[in-house]
Amino acid sequence: GETGVTDLPILTDPRQKLSRDMGVLSLPVTILLDREGREIA
């Protein structure tokens, strides 16, 4: 609400399992995935 987000889903990784698996060590981190679900950037 404070940042004006109205069209993005609320998704959570409460135990940071996905974050750890994806090598996220700080925030924010943004990863670009291709159509096959592979990290490309």
PDB file of all heavy atoms in Angstrom:
ATOM      1  N   GLY A   1       0.814  -1.216   0.000  1.00  0.00           N
ATOM      2  CA  GLY A   1       0.000   0.000   0.000  1.00  0.00           C
ATOM      3  C   GLY A   1       0.845   1.262   0.000  1.00  0.00           C
ATOM      4  O   GLY A   1       0.561   2.214  -0.730  1.00  0.00           O
ATOM      5  N   GLU A   2       1.887   1.268   0.817  1.00  0.00           N
ATOM      6  CA  GLU A   2       2.762   2.446   0.921  1.00  0.00           C
ATOM      7  C   GLU A   2       3.594   2.673  -0.330  1.00  0.00           C
ATOM      8  O   GLU A   2       3.967   3.806  -0.621  1.00  0.00           O
ATOM      9  CB  GLU A   2       3.686   2.318   2.130  1.00  0.00           C
ATOM     10  CG  GLU A   2       2.965   2.402   3.448  1.00  0.00           C
ATOM     11  CD  GLU A   2       3.843   2.082   4.649  1.00  0.00           C
ATOM     12  OE1 GLU A   2       5.010   1.643   4.469  1.00  0.00           O
ATOM     13  OE2 GLU A   2       3.361   2.253   5.778  1.00  0.00           O
ATOM     14  N   THR A   3       3.882   1.616  -1.069  1.00  0.00           N
ATOM     15  CA  THR A   3       4.717   1.750  -2.268  1.00  0.00           C
ATOM     16  C   THR A   3       3.887   1.777  -3.555  1.00  0.00           C
ATOM     17  O   THR A   3       4.440   1.850  -4.649  1.00  0.00           O
ATOM     18  CB  THR A   3       5.765   0.619  -2.353  1.00  0.00           C
ATOM     19  OG1 THR A   3       5.105  -0.650  -2.331  1.00  0.00           O
ATOM     20  CG2 THR A   3       6.761   0.707  -1.201  1.00  0.00           C
ATOM     21  N   GLY A   4       2.559   1.705  -3.427  1.00  0.00           N
ATOM     22  CA  GLY A   4       1.695   1.791  -4.599  1.00  0.00           C
ATOM     23  C   GLY A   4       1.575   0.513  -5.397  1.00  0.00           C
ATOM     24  O   GLY A   4       1.182   0.531  -6.563  1.00  0.00           O
ATOM     25  N   VAL A   5       1.905  -0.613  -4.793  1.00  0.00           N
ATOM     26  CA  VAL A   5       1.815  -1.901  -5.489  1.00  0.00           C
ATOM     27  C   VAL A   5       0.373  -2.390  -5.436  1.00  0.00           C
ATOM     28  O   VAL A   5      -0.186  -2.595  -4.363  1.00  0.00           O
ATOM     29  CB  VAL A   5       2.770  -2.936  -4.869  1.00  0.00           C
ATOM     30  CG1 VAL A   5       2.551  -4.310  -5.476  1.00  0.00           C
ATOM     31  CG2 VAL A   5       4.211  -2.494  -5.051  1.00  0.00           C
ATOM     32  N   THR A   6      -0.211  -2.570  -6.618  1.00  0.00           N
ATOM     33  CA  THR A   6      -1.595  -3.043  -6.698  1.00  0.00           C
ATOM     34  C   THR A   6      -1.742  -4.277  -7.580  1.00  0.00           C
ATOM     35  O   THR A   6      -2.744  -4.977  -7.478  1.00  0.00           O
ATOM     36  CB  THR A   6      -2.499  -1.936  -7.271  1.00  0.00           C
ATOM     37  OG1 THR A   6      -1.993  -1.545  -8.555  1.00  0.00           O
ATOM     38  CG2 THR A   6      -2.557  -0.731  -6.346  1.00  0.00           C
ATOM     39  N   ASP A   7      -0.763  -4.535  -8.447  1.00  0.00           N
ATOM     40  CA  ASP A   7      -0.920  -5.603  -9.433  1.00  0.00           C
ATOM     41  C   ASP A   7       0.099  -6.730  -9.296  1.00  0.00           C
ATOM     42  O   ASP A   7       0.295  -7.495 -10.233  1.00  0.00           O
ATOM     43  CB  ASP A   7      -0.806  -5.017 -10.845  1.00  0.00           C
ATOM     44  CG  ASP A   7      -1.907  -4.014 -11.120  1.00  0.00           C
ATOM     45  OD1 ASP A   7      -3.021  -4.210 -10.621  1.00  0.00           O
ATOM     46  OD2 ASP A   7      -1.638  -3.023 -11.831  1.00  0.00           O
ATOM     47  N   LEU A   8       0.747  -6.823  -8.159  1.00  0.00           N
ATOM     48  CA  LEU A   8       1.704  -7.905  -7.958  1.00  0.00           C
ATOM     49  C   LEU A   8       1.155  -8.869  -6.907  1.00  0.00           C
ATOM     50  O   LEU A   8       0.500  -8.451  -5.954  1.00  0.00           O
ATOM     51  CB  LEU A   8       3.059  -7.352  -7.489  1.00  0.00           C
ATOM     52  CG  LEU A   8       3.812  -6.489  -8.489  1.00  0.00           C
ATOM     53  CD1 LEU A   8       5.082  -5.938  -7.850  1.00  0.00           C
ATOM     54  CD2 LEU A   8       4.142  -7.264  -9.752  1.00  0.00           C
ATOM     55  N   PRO A   9       1.448 -10.145  -7.071  1.00  0.00           N
ATOM     56  CA  PRO A   9       0.956 -11.121  -6.095  1.00  0.00           C
ATOM     57  C   PRO A   9       1.759 -11.051  -4.793  1.00  0.00           C
ATOM     58  O   PRO A   9       2.914 -10.633  -4.781  1.00  0.00           O
ATOM     59  CB  PRO A   9       1.194 -12.460  -6.797  1.00  0.00           C
ATOM     60  CG  PRO A   9       2.380 -12.205  -7.669  1.00  0.00           C
ATOM     61  CD  PRO A   9       2.215 -10.779  -8.144  1.00  0.00           C
ATOM     62  N   ILE A  10       1.135 -11.458  -3.715  1.00  0.00           N
ATOM     63  CA  ILE A  10       1.837 -11.608  -2.443  1.00  0.00           C
ATOM     64  C   ILE A  10       2.345 -13.036  -2.389  1.00  0.00           C
ATOM     65  O   ILE A  10       1.565 -13.991  -2.349  1.00  0.00           O
ATOM     66  CB  ILE A  10       0.921 -11.286  -1.249  1.00  0.00           C
ATOM     67  CG1 ILE A  10       0.583  -9.795  -1.257  1.00  0.00           C
ATOM     68  CG2 ILE A  10       1.584 -11.707   0.063  1.00  0.00           C
ATOM     69  CD1 ILE A  10      -0.353  -9.356  -0.145  1.00  0.00           C
ATOM     70  N   LEU A  11       3.666 -13.164  -2.428  1.00  0.00           N
ATOM     71  CA  LEU A  11       4.333 -14.467  -2.401  1.00  0.00           C
ATOM     72  C   LEU A  11       5.390 -14.427  -1.303  1.00  0.00           C
ATOM     73  O   LEU A  11       6.062 -13.404  -1.127  1.00  0.00           O
ATOM     74  CB  LEU A  11       4.985 -14.756  -3.754  1.00  0.00           C
ATOM     75  CG  LEU A  11       4.040 -14.734  -4.950  1.00  0.00           C
ATOM     76  CD1 LEU A  11       4.814 -14.761  -6.259  1.00  0.00           C
ATOM     77  CD2 LEU A  11       3.069 -15.903  -4.875  1.00  0.00           C
ATOM     78  N   THR A  12       5.530 -15.535  -0.577  1.00  0.00           N
ATOM     79  CA  THR A  12       6.463 -15.545   0.550  1.00  0.00           C
ATOM     80  C   THR A  12       7.363 -16.772   0.557  1.00  0.00           C
ATOM     81  O   THR A  12       6.996 -17.845   0.076  1.00  0.00           O
ATOM     82  CB  THR A  12       5.694 -15.497   1.890  1.00  0.00           C
ATOM     83  OG1 THR A  12       4.893 -16.669   2.016  1.00  0.00           O
ATOM     84  CG2 THR A  12       4.817 -14.253   1.989  1.00  0.00           C
ATOM     85  N   ASP A  13       8.526 -16.569   1.137  1.00  0.00           N
ATOM     86  CA  ASP A  13       9.516 -17.613   1.378  1.00  0.00           C
ATOM     87  C   ASP A  13       9.928 -17.464   2.847  1.00  0.00           C
ATOM     88  O   ASP A  13      11.013 -17.000   3.158  1.00  0.00           O
ATOM     89  CB  ASP A  13      10.708 -17.406   0.430  1.00  0.00           C
ATOM     90  CG  ASP A  13      11.804 -18.440   0.570  1.00  0.00           C
ATOM     91  OD1 ASP A  13      11.532 -19.546   1.069  1.00  0.00           O
ATOM     92  OD2 ASP A  13      12.939 -18.121   0.177  1.00  0.00           O
ATOM     93  N   PRO A  14       9.012 -17.826   3.777  1.00  0.00           N
ATOM     94  CA  PRO A  14       9.208 -17.482   5.184  1.00  0.00           C
ATOM     95  C   PRO A  14      10.453 -18.076   5.831  1.00  0.00           C
ATOM     96  O   PRO A  14      11.037 -17.461   6.709  1.00  0.00           O
ATOM     97  CB  PRO A  14       7.936 -17.986   5.864  1.00  0.00           C
ATOM     98  CG  PRO A  14       7.343 -18.966   4.926  1.00  0.00           C
ATOM     99  CD  PRO A  14       7.778 -18.569   3.551  1.00  0.00           C
ATOM    100  N   ARG A  15      10.860 -19.232   5.399  1.00  0.00           N
ATOM    101  CA  ARG A  15      12.053 -19.856   5.987  1.00  0.00           C
ATOM    102  C   ARG A  15      13.291 -19.677   5.103  1.00  0.00           C
ATOM    103  O   ARG A  15      14.314 -20.287   5.345  1.00  0.00           O
ATOM    104  CB  ARG A  15      11.781 -21.327   6.266  1.00  0.00           C
ATOM    105  CG  ARG A  15      10.809 -21.518   7.411  1.00  0.00           C
ATOM    106  CD  ARG A  15      10.776 -22.970   7.855  1.00  0.00           C
ATOM    107  NE  ARG A  15      10.155 -23.159   9.137  1.00  0.00           N
ATOM    108  CZ  ARG A  15       8.868 -23.088   9.399  1.00  0.00           C
ATOM    109  NH1 ARG A  15       8.024 -22.780   8.454  1.00  0.00           N
ATOM    110  NH2 ARG A  15       8.401 -23.317  10.604  1.00  0.00           N
ATOM    111  N   GLN A  16      13.153 -18.890   4.067  1.00  0.00           N
ATOM    112  CA  GLN A  16      14.240 -18.551   3.144  1.00  0.00           C
ATOM    113  C   GLN A  16      14.854 -19.782   2.464  1.00  0.00           C
ATOM    114  O   GLN A  16      15.999 -19.759   2.054  1.00  0.00           O
ATOM    115  CB  GLN A  16      15.319 -17.735   3.852  1.00  0.00           C
ATOM    116  CG  GLN A  16      14.808 -16.411   4.363  1.00  0.00           C
ATOM    117  CD  GLN A  16      15.841 -15.656   5.146  1.00  0.00           C
ATOM    118  OE1 GLN A  16      16.401 -16.177   6.104  1.00  0.00           O
ATOM    119  NE2 GLN A  16      16.082 -14.430   4.740  1.00  0.00           N
ATOM    120  N   LYS A  17      14.060 -20.829   2.312  1.00  0.00           N
ATOM    121  CA  LYS A  17      14.575 -22.034   1.656  1.00  0.00           C
ATOM    122  C   LYS A  17      14.855 -21.769   0.177  1.00  0.00           C
ATOM    123  O   LYS A  17      15.911 -22.132  -0.337  1.00  0.00           O
ATOM    124  CB  LYS A  17      13.593 -23.193   1.820  1.00  0.00           C
ATOM    125  CG  LYS A  17      13.504 -23.713   3.229  1.00  0.00           C
ATOM    126  CD  LYS A  17      12.514 -24.862   3.325  1.00  0.00           C
ATOM    127  CE  LYS A  17      12.446 -25.392   4.732  1.00  0.00           C
ATOM    128  NZ  LYS A  17      11.496 -26.527   4.827  1.00  0.00           N
ATOM    129  N   LEU A  18      13.902 -21.154  -0.521  1.00  0.00           N
ATOM    130  CA  LEU A  18      14.108 -20.839  -1.931  1.00  0.00           C
ATOM    131  C   LEU A  18      15.250 -19.835  -2.081  1.00  0.00           C
ATOM    132  O   LEU A  18      16.113 -19.994  -2.944  1.00  0.00           O
ATOM    133  CB  LEU A  18      12.832 -20.300  -2.574  1.00  0.00           C
ATOM    134  CG  LEU A  18      12.951 -19.867  -4.035  1.00  0.00           C
ATOM    135  CD1 LEU A  18      13.342 -21.045  -4.930  1.00  0.00           C
ATOM    136  CD2 LEU A  18      11.652 -19.236  -4.513  1.00  0.00           C
ATOM    137  N   SER A  19      15.246 -18.818  -1.233  1.00  0.00           N
ATOM    138  CA  SER A  19      16.303 -17.807  -1.289  1.00  0.00           C
ATOM    139  C   SER A  19      17.677 -18.455  -1.169  1.00  0.00           C
ATOM    140  O   SER A  19      18.592 -18.158  -1.950  1.00  0.00           O
ATOM    141  CB  SER A  19      16.140 -16.779  -0.166  1.00  0.00           C
ATOM    142  OG  SER A  19      14.878 -16.164  -0.224  1.00  0.00           O
ATOM    143  N   ARG A  20      17.840 -19.328  -0.189  1.00  0.00           N
ATOM    144  CA  ARG A  20      19.128 -20.010  -0.003  1.00  0.00           C
ATOM    145  C   ARG A  20      19.470 -20.874  -1.213  1.00  0.00           C
ATOM    146  O   ARG A  20      20.608 -20.868  -1.686  1.00  0.00           O
ATOM    147  CB  ARG A  20      19.110 -20.849   1.275  1.00  0.00           C
ATOM    148  CG  ARG A  20      19.311 -20.027   2.529  1.00  0.00           C
ATOM    149  CD  ARG A  20      19.636 -20.911   3.736  1.00  0.00           C
ATOM    150  NE  ARG A  20      18.636 -21.934   4.010  1.00  0.00           N
ATOM    151  CZ  ARG A  20      17.554 -21.755   4.757  1.00  0.00           C
ATOM    152  NH1 ARG A  20      17.327 -20.598   5.324  1.00  0.00           N
ATOM    153  NH2 ARG A  20      16.698 -22.737   4.955  1.00  0.00           N
ATOM    154  N   ASP A  21      18.474 -21.626  -1.707  1.00  0.00           N
ATOM    155  CA  ASP A  21      18.725 -22.483  -2.872  1.00  0.00           C
ATOM    156  C   ASP A  21      19.153 -21.679  -4.097  1.00  0.00           C
ATOM    157  O   ASP A  21      19.892 -22.175  -4.938  1.00  0.00           O
ATOM    158  CB  ASP A  21      17.479 -23.299  -3.223  1.00  0.00           C
ATOM    159  CG  ASP A  21      17.283 -24.494  -2.323  1.00  0.00           C
ATOM    160  OD1 ASP A  21      18.151 -24.768  -1.463  1.00  0.00           O
ATOM    161  OD2 ASP A  21      16.248 -25.180  -2.472  1.00  0.00           O
ATOM    162  N   MET A  22      18.654 -20.447  -4.178  1.00  0.00           N
ATOM    163  CA  MET A  22      18.977 -19.592  -5.319  1.00  0.00           C
ATOM    164  C   MET A  22      20.225 -18.740  -5.062  1.00  0.00           C
ATOM    165  O   MET A  22      20.585 -17.908  -5.883  1.00  0.00           O
ATOM    166  CB  MET A  22      17.787 -18.688  -5.663  1.00  0.00           C
ATOM    167  CG  MET A  22      16.542 -19.415  -6.131  1.00  0.00           C
ATOM    168  SD  MET A  22      16.672 -20.195  -7.753  1.00  0.00           S
ATOM    169  CE  MET A  22      16.915 -18.796  -8.816  1.00  0.00           C
ATOM    170  N   GLY A  23      20.890 -18.933  -3.923  1.00  0.00           N
ATOM    171  CA  GLY A  23      22.119 -18.212  -3.637  1.00  0.00           C
ATOM    172  C   GLY A  23      21.916 -16.748  -3.296  1.00  0.00           C
ATOM    173  O   GLY A  23      22.795 -15.925  -3.534  1.00  0.00           O
ATOM    174  N   VAL A  24      20.768 -16.416  -2.723  1.00  0.00           N
ATOM    175  CA  VAL A  24      20.478 -15.033  -2.339  1.00  0.00           C
ATOM    176  C   VAL A  24      21.069 -14.801  -0.951  1.00  0.00           C
ATOM    177  O   VAL A  24      20.648 -15.421   0.014  1.00  0.00           O
ATOM    178  CB  VAL A  24      18.959 -14.764  -2.354  1.00  0.00           C
ATOM    179  CG1 VAL A  24      18.637 -13.392  -1.800  1.00  0.00           C
ATOM    180  CG2 VAL A  24      18.420 -14.933  -3.766  1.00  0.00           C
ATOM    181  N   LEU A  25      22.039 -13.877  -0.877  1.00  0.00           N
ATOM    182  CA  LEU A  25      22.730 -13.612   0.382  1.00  0.00           C
ATOM    183  C   LEU A  25      22.394 -12.251   0.970  1.00  0.00           C
ATOM    184  O   LEU A  25      22.744 -11.962   2.106  1.00  0.00           O
ATOM    185  CB  LEU A  25      24.245 -13.723   0.170  1.00  0.00           C
ATOM    186  CG  LEU A  25      24.739 -15.068  -0.360  1.00  0.00           C
ATOM    187  CD1 LEU A  25      26.228 -15.017  -0.640  1.00  0.00           C
ATOM    188  CD2 LEU A  25      24.398 -16.186   0.599  1.00  0.00           C
ATOM    189  N   SER A  26      21.769 -11.397   0.183  1.00  0.00           N
ATOM    190  CA  SER A  26      21.376 -10.068   0.646  1.00  0.00           C
ATOM    191  C   SER A  26      20.097  -9.685  -0.093  1.00  0.00           C
ATOM    192  O   SER A  26      19.663 -10.400  -0.985  1.00  0.00           O
ATOM    193  CB  SER A  26      22.492  -9.057   0.367  1.00  0.00           C
ATOM    194  OG  SER A  26      22.708  -8.948  -1.035  1.00  0.00           O
ATOM    195  N   LEU A  27      19.515  -8.557   0.276  1.00  0.00           N
ATOM    196  CA  LEU A  27      18.289  -8.112  -0.384  1.00  0.00           C
ATOM    197  C   LEU A  27      18.432  -6.667  -0.805  1.00  0.00           C
ATOM    198  O   LEU A  27      19.114  -5.909  -0.121  1.00  0.00           O
ATOM    199  CB  LEU A  27      17.087  -8.267   0.550  1.00  0.00           C
ATOM    200  CG  LEU A  27      16.734  -9.695   0.953  1.00  0.00           C
ATOM    201  CD1 LEU A  27      15.622  -9.682   1.990  1.00  0.00           C
ATOM    202  CD2 LEU A  27      16.331 -10.529  -0.253  1.00  0.00           C
ATOM    203  N   PRO A  28      17.802  -6.277  -1.874  1.00  0.00           N
ATOM    204  CA  PRO A  28      17.073  -7.105  -2.827  1.00  0.00           C
ATOM    205  C   PRO A  28      18.029  -7.806  -3.804  1.00  0.00           C
ATOM    206  O   PRO A  28      19.145  -7.351  -4.035  1.00  0.00           O
ATOM    207  CB  PRO A  28      16.206  -6.092  -3.574  1.00  0.00           C
ATOM    208  CG  PRO A  28      17.009  -4.827  -3.538  1.00  0.00           C
ATOM    209  CD  PRO A  28      17.731  -4.850  -2.205  1.00  0.00           C
ATOM    210  N   VAL A  29      17.545  -8.889  -4.358  1.00  0.00           N
ATOM    211  CA  VAL A  29      18.215  -9.592  -5.449  1.00  0.00           C
ATOM    212  C   VAL A  29      17.147  -9.897  -6.485  1.00  0.00           C
ATOM    213  O   VAL A  29      16.063 -10.369  -6.142  1.00  0.00           O
ATOM    214  CB  VAL A  29      18.896 -10.895  -4.982  1.00  0.00           C
ATOM    215  CG1 VAL A  29      19.358 -11.730  -6.158  1.00  0.00           C
ATOM    216  CG2 VAL A  29      20.067 -10.590  -4.061  1.00  0.00           C
ATOM    217  N   THR A  30      17.462  -9.625  -7.738  1.00  0.00           N
ATOM    218  CA  THR A  30      16.520  -9.878  -8.824  1.00  0.00           C
ATOM    219  C   THR A  30      17.185 -10.800  -9.827  1.00  0.00           C
ATOM    220  O   THR A  30      18.318 -10.559 -10.248  1.00  0.00           O
ATOM    221  CB  THR A  30      16.080  -8.563  -9.480  1.00  0.00           C
ATOM    222  OG1 THR A  30      15.570  -7.706  -8.455  1.00  0.00           O
ATOM    223  CG2 THR A  30      15.002  -8.807 -10.508  1.00  0.00           C
ATOM    224  N   ILE A  31      16.459 -11.845 -10.197  1.00  0.00           N
ATOM    225  CA  ILE A  31      16.990 -12.884 -11.088  1.00  0.00           C
ATOM    226  C   ILE A  31      16.081 -12.975 -12.304  1.00  0.00           C
ATOM    227  O   ILE A  31      14.864 -13.063 -12.179  1.00  0.00           O
ATOM    228  CB  ILE A  31      17.057 -14.238 -10.346  1.00  0.00           C
ATOM    229  CG1 ILE A  31      18.009 -14.117  -9.148  1.00  0.00           C
ATOM    230  CG2 ILE A  31      17.470 -15.352 -11.295  1.00  0.00           C
ATOM    231  CD1 ILE A  31      17.986 -15.304  -8.213  1.00  0.00           C
ATOM    232  N   LEU A  32      16.687 -12.956 -13.481  1.00  0.00           N
ATOM    233  CA  LEU A  32      15.942 -13.098 -14.727  1.00  0.00           C
ATOM    234  C   LEU A  32      15.994 -14.562 -15.151  1.00  0.00           C
ATOM    235  O   LEU A  32      17.077 -15.139 -15.282  1.00  0.00           O
ATOM    236  CB  LEU A  32      16.544 -12.196 -15.814  1.00  0.00           C
ATOM    237  CG  LEU A  32      15.783 -12.104 -17.130  1.00  0.00           C
ATOM    238  CD1 LEU A  32      14.375 -11.536 -16.930  1.00  0.00           C
ATOM    239  CD2 LEU A  32      16.568 -11.235 -18.124  1.00  0.00           C
ATOM    240  N   LEU A  33      14.800 -15.154 -15.305  1.00  0.00           N
ATOM    241  CA  LEU A  33      14.685 -16.556 -15.732  1.00  0.00           C
ATOM    242  C   LEU A  33      14.161 -16.608 -17.157  1.00  0.00           C
ATOM    243  O   LEU A  33      13.260 -15.844 -17.520  1.00  0.00           O
ATOM    244  CB  LEU A  33      13.709 -17.311 -14.825  1.00  0.00           C
ATOM    245  CG  LEU A  33      14.010 -17.331 -13.331  1.00  0.00           C
ATOM    246  CD1 LEU A  33      12.886 -18.045 -12.582  1.00  0.00           C
ATOM    247  CD2 LEU A  33      15.344 -17.979 -13.047  1.00  0.00           C
ATOM    248  N   ASP A  34      14.712 -17.520 -17.950  1.00  0.00           N
ATOM    249  CA  ASP A  34      14.213 -17.698 -19.308  1.00  0.00           C
ATOM    250  C   ASP A  34      12.963 -18.567 -19.299  1.00  0.00           C
ATOM    251  O   ASP A  34      12.496 -18.997 -18.241  1.00  0.00           O
ATOM    252  CB  ASP A  34      15.308 -18.248 -20.242  1.00  0.00           C
ATOM    253  CG  ASP A  34      15.751 -19.668 -19.904  1.00  0.00           C
ATOM    254  OD1 ASP A  34      15.101 -20.362 -19.088  1.00  0.00           O
ATOM    255  OD2 ASP A  34      16.774 -20.094 -20.477  1.00  0.00           O
ATOM    256  N   ARG A  35      12.419 -18.819 -20.469  1.00  0.00           N
ATOM    257  CA  ARG A  35      11.164 -19.577 -20.576  1.00  0.00           C
ATOM    258  C   ARG A  35      11.276 -21.008 -20.051  1.00  0.00           C
ATOM    259  O   ARG A  35      10.284 -21.632 -19.714  1.00  0.00           O
ATOM    260  CB  ARG A  35      10.694 -19.608 -22.028  1.00  0.00           C
ATOM    261  CG  ARG A  35      10.257 -18.249 -22.537  1.00  0.00           C
ATOM    262  CD  ARG A  35       9.844 -18.358 -24.008  1.00  0.00           C
ATOM    263  NE  ARG A  35       9.595 -17.072 -24.606  1.00  0.00           N
ATOM    264  CZ  ARG A  35       8.438 -16.424 -24.540  1.00  0.00           C
ATOM    265  NH1 ARG A  35       7.427 -16.963 -23.902  1.00  0.00           N
ATOM    266  NH2 ARG A  35       8.300 -15.256 -25.115  1.00  0.00           N
ATOM    267  N   GLU A  36      12.493 -21.541 -19.990  1.00  0.00           N
ATOM    268  CA  GLU A  36      12.701 -22.899 -19.485  1.00  0.00           C
ATOM    269  C   GLU A  36      12.935 -22.913 -17.983  1.00  0.00           C
ATOM    270  O   GLU A  36      13.212 -23.960 -17.407  1.00  0.00           O
ATOM    271  CB  GLU A  36      13.885 -23.558 -20.200  1.00  0.00           C
ATOM    272  CG  GLU A  36      13.570 -24.018 -21.613  1.00  0.00           C
ATOM    273  CD  GLU A  36      13.569 -22.842 -22.593  1.00  0.00           C
ATOM    274  OE1 GLU A  36      14.470 -21.986 -22.506  1.00  0.00           O
ATOM    275  OE2 GLU A  36      12.658 -22.772 -23.435  1.00  0.00           O
ATOM    276  N   GLY A  37      12.857 -21.744 -17.342  1.00  0.00           N
ATOM    277  CA  GLY A  37      13.052 -21.680 -15.901  1.00  0.00           C
ATOM    278  C   GLY A  37      14.508 -21.691 -15.493  1.00  0.00           C
ATOM    279  O   GLY A  37      14.845 -22.096 -14.380  1.00  0.00           O
ATOM    280  N   ARG A  38      15.378 -21.219 -16.372  1.00  0.00           N
ATOM    281  CA  ARG A  38      16.806 -21.170 -16.073  1.00  0.00           C
ATOM    282  C   ARG A  38      17.239 -19.729 -15.796  1.00  0.00           C
ATOM    283  O   ARG A  38      16.794 -18.804 -16.471  1.00  0.00           O
ATOM    284  CB  ARG A  38      17.627 -21.713 -17.242  1.00  0.00           C
ATOM    285  CG  ARG A  38      17.289 -23.155 -17.588  1.00  0.00           C
ATOM    286  CD  ARG A  38      18.018 -23.606 -18.807  1.00  0.00           C
ATOM    287  NE  ARG A  38      17.689 -22.720 -19.921  1.00  0.00           N
ATOM    288  CZ  ARG A  38      18.223 -22.808 -21.134  1.00  0.00           C
ATOM    289  NH1 ARG A  38      19.099 -23.744 -21.410  1.00  0.00           N
ATOM    290  NH2 ARG A  38      17.877 -21.961 -22.091  1.00  0.00           N
ATOM    291  N   GLU A  39      18.110 -19.567 -14.821  1.00  0.00           N
ATOM    292  CA  GLU A  39      18.649 -18.250 -14.515  1.00  0.00           C
ATOM    293  C   GLU A  39      19.575 -17.809 -15.637  1.00  0.00           C
ATOM    294  O   GLU A  39      20.523 -18.510 -15.987  1.00  0.00           O
ATOM    295  CB  GLU A  39      19.408 -18.279 -13.196  1.00  0.00           C
ATOM    296  CG  GLU A  39      20.005 -16.943 -12.830  1.00  0.00           C
ATOM    297  CD  GLU A  39      20.703 -16.923 -11.486  1.00  0.00           C
ATOM    298  OE1 GLU A  39      20.571 -17.901 -10.712  1.00  0.00           O
ATOM    299  OE2 GLU A  39      21.387 -15.927 -11.211  1.00  0.00           O
ATOM    300  N   ILE A  40      19.286 -16.619 -16.202  1.00  0.00           N
ATOM    301  CA  ILE A  40      20.130 -16.096 -17.271  1.00  0.00           C
ATOM    302  C   ILE A  40      20.821 -14.799 -16.870  1.00  0.00           C
ATOM    303  O   ILE A  40      21.766 -14.376 -17.538  1.00  0.00           O
ATOM    304  CB  ILE A  40      19.358 -15.909 -18.594  1.00  0.00           C
ATOM    305  CG1 ILE A  40      18.160 -14.971 -18.424  1.00  0.00           C
ATOM    306  CG2 ILE A  40      18.929 -17.271 -19.150  1.00  0.00           C
ATOM    307  CD1 ILE A  40      17.459 -14.623 -19.738  1.00  0.00           C
ATOM    308  N   ALA A  41      20.370 -14.172 -15.774  1.00  0.00           N
ATOM    309  CA  ALA A  41      21.025 -12.958 -15.294  1.00  0.00           C
ATOM    310  C   ALA A  41      20.609 -12.693 -13.859  1.00  0.00           C
ATOM    311  O   ALA A  41      19.554 -13.151 -13.413  1.00  0.00           O
ATOM    312  CB  ALA A  41      20.678 -11.764 -16.174  1.00  0.00           C
TER     313      ALA A  41
END
